[in-house]
C-alpha atoms as a PDB file:
ATOM      1  CA  MET A   1     171.691  59.053  16.336  1.00  0.00           C
ATOM      2  CA  ARG A   2     174.958  56.402  16.116  1.00  0.00           C
ATOM      3  CA  TYR A   3     174.717  53.709  13.876  1.00  0.00           C
ATOM      4  CA  GLU A   4     177.061  51.866  15.075  1.00  0.00           C
ATOM      5  CA  SER A   5     177.694  47.670  14.331  1.00  0.00           C
ATOM      6  CA  GLY A   6     179.209  45.953  16.838  1.00  0.00           C
ATOM      7  CA  LYS A   7     179.890  46.142  21.070  1.00  0.00           C
ATOM      8  CA  ASP A   8     179.363  50.187  20.679  1.00  0.00           C
ATOM      9  CA  ALA A   9     176.065  50.147  19.395  1.00  0.00           C
ATOM     10  CA  GLY A  10     173.291  52.317  21.883  1.00  0.00           C
ATOM     11  CA  MET A  11     173.993  54.652  25.125  1.00  0.00           C
ATOM     12  CA  SER A  12     176.955  54.309  26.972  1.00  0.00           C
ATOM     13  CA  THR A  13     176.815  54.337  31.163  1.00  0.00           C
ATOM     14  CA  SER A  14     178.247  58.033  31.084  1.00  0.00           C
ATOM     15  CA  GLU A  15     174.885  58.798  28.293  1.00  0.00           C
ATOM     16  CA  TYR A  16     172.656  57.051  30.932  1.00  0.00           C
ATOM     17  CA  ALA A  17     173.215  58.932  33.847  1.00  0.00           C
ATOM     18  CA  MET A  18     173.228  62.398  31.579  1.00  0.00           C
ATOM     19  CA  GLY A  19     170.027  61.002  30.679  1.00  0.00           C
ATOM     20  CA  THR A  20     168.173  60.291  34.417  1.00  0.00           C
ATOM     21  CA  ILE A  21     169.646  63.721  35.112  1.00  0.00           C
ATOM     22  CA  ALA A  22     168.363  65.365  32.894  1.00  0.00           C
ATOM     23  CA  ALA A  23     164.973  63.738  32.657  1.00  0.00           C
ATOM     24  CA  CYS A  24     165.166  64.357  37.019  1.00  0.00           C
ATOM     25  CA  ALA A  25     165.836  68.268  36.779  1.00  0.00           C
ATOM     26  CA  PHE A  26     162.936  68.434  34.318  1.00  0.00           C
ATOM     27  CA  ALA A  27     160.694  66.835  36.729  1.00  0.00           C
ATOM     28  CA  ALA A  28     161.481  68.661  39.695  1.00  0.00           C
ATOM     29  CA  VAL A  29     160.820  72.063  37.350  1.00  0.00           C
ATOM     30  CA  LEU A  30     157.410  71.007  36.202  1.00  0.00           C
ATOM     31  CA  TYR A  31     156.766  69.488  40.102  1.00  0.00           C
ATOM     32  CA  LYS A  32     157.046  73.424  41.184  1.00  0.00           C
ATOM     33  CA  VAL A  33     155.414  75.388  38.041  1.00  0.00           C
ATOM     34  CA  VAL A  34     152.058  72.979  38.633  1.00  0.00           C
ATOM     35  CA  THR A  35     152.028  72.623  42.163  1.00  0.00           C
ATOM     36  CA  SER A  36     153.074  76.986  41.932  1.00  0.00           C
ATOM     37  CA  GLY A  37     149.639  78.827  43.514  1.00  0.00           C
ATOM     38  CA  PRO A  38     148.180  79.694  39.722  1.00  0.00           C
ATOM     39  CA  VAL A  39     148.170  76.445  38.129  1.00  0.00           C
ATOM     40  CA  ALA A  40     147.292  74.885  41.402  1.00  0.00           C
ATOM     41  CA  ALA A  41     144.461  77.466  41.458  1.00  0.00           C
ATOM     42  CA  ALA A  42     143.313  76.242  37.346  1.00  0.00           C
ATOM     43  CA  LEU A  43     143.580  72.629  38.256  1.00  0.00           C
ATOM     44  CA  GLN A  44     141.783  72.842  40.916  1.00  0.00           C
ATOM     45  CA  SER A  45     139.144  74.583  39.003  1.00  0.00           C
ATOM     46  CA  VAL A  46     139.322  72.478  36.113  1.00  0.00           C
ATOM     47  CA  VAL A  47     138.493  69.551  38.884  1.00  0.00           C
ATOM     48  CA  GLU A  48     135.643  71.455  40.344  1.00  0.00           C
ATOM     49  CA  LYS A  49     133.810  72.427  37.457  1.00  0.00           C
ATOM     50  CA  ALA A  50     134.399  68.982  35.874  1.00  0.00           C
ATOM     51  CA  LEU A  51     132.739  67.447  39.773  1.00  0.00           C
ATOM     52  CA  HIS A  52     130.075  69.344  38.723  1.00  0.00           C
ATOM     53  CA  ALA A  53     128.524  69.290  34.970  1.00  0.00           C
ATOM     54  CA  GLN A  54     125.120  67.649  34.972  1.00  0.00           C
ATOM     55  CA  PHE A  55     124.807  64.984  32.625  1.00  0.00           C
END
């Protein structure tokens, strides 16, 4: 983390671009994991159990 004063404080445009690319790549990997067969089945099971819970 930089501690600069003046007009150089904060992230530059290239740093924002790299951060955006990294966030998109992470989102794509997370999407593939969540929509994979075993994970989707586990999530569906959790939702079904929650909907059939006795109160």
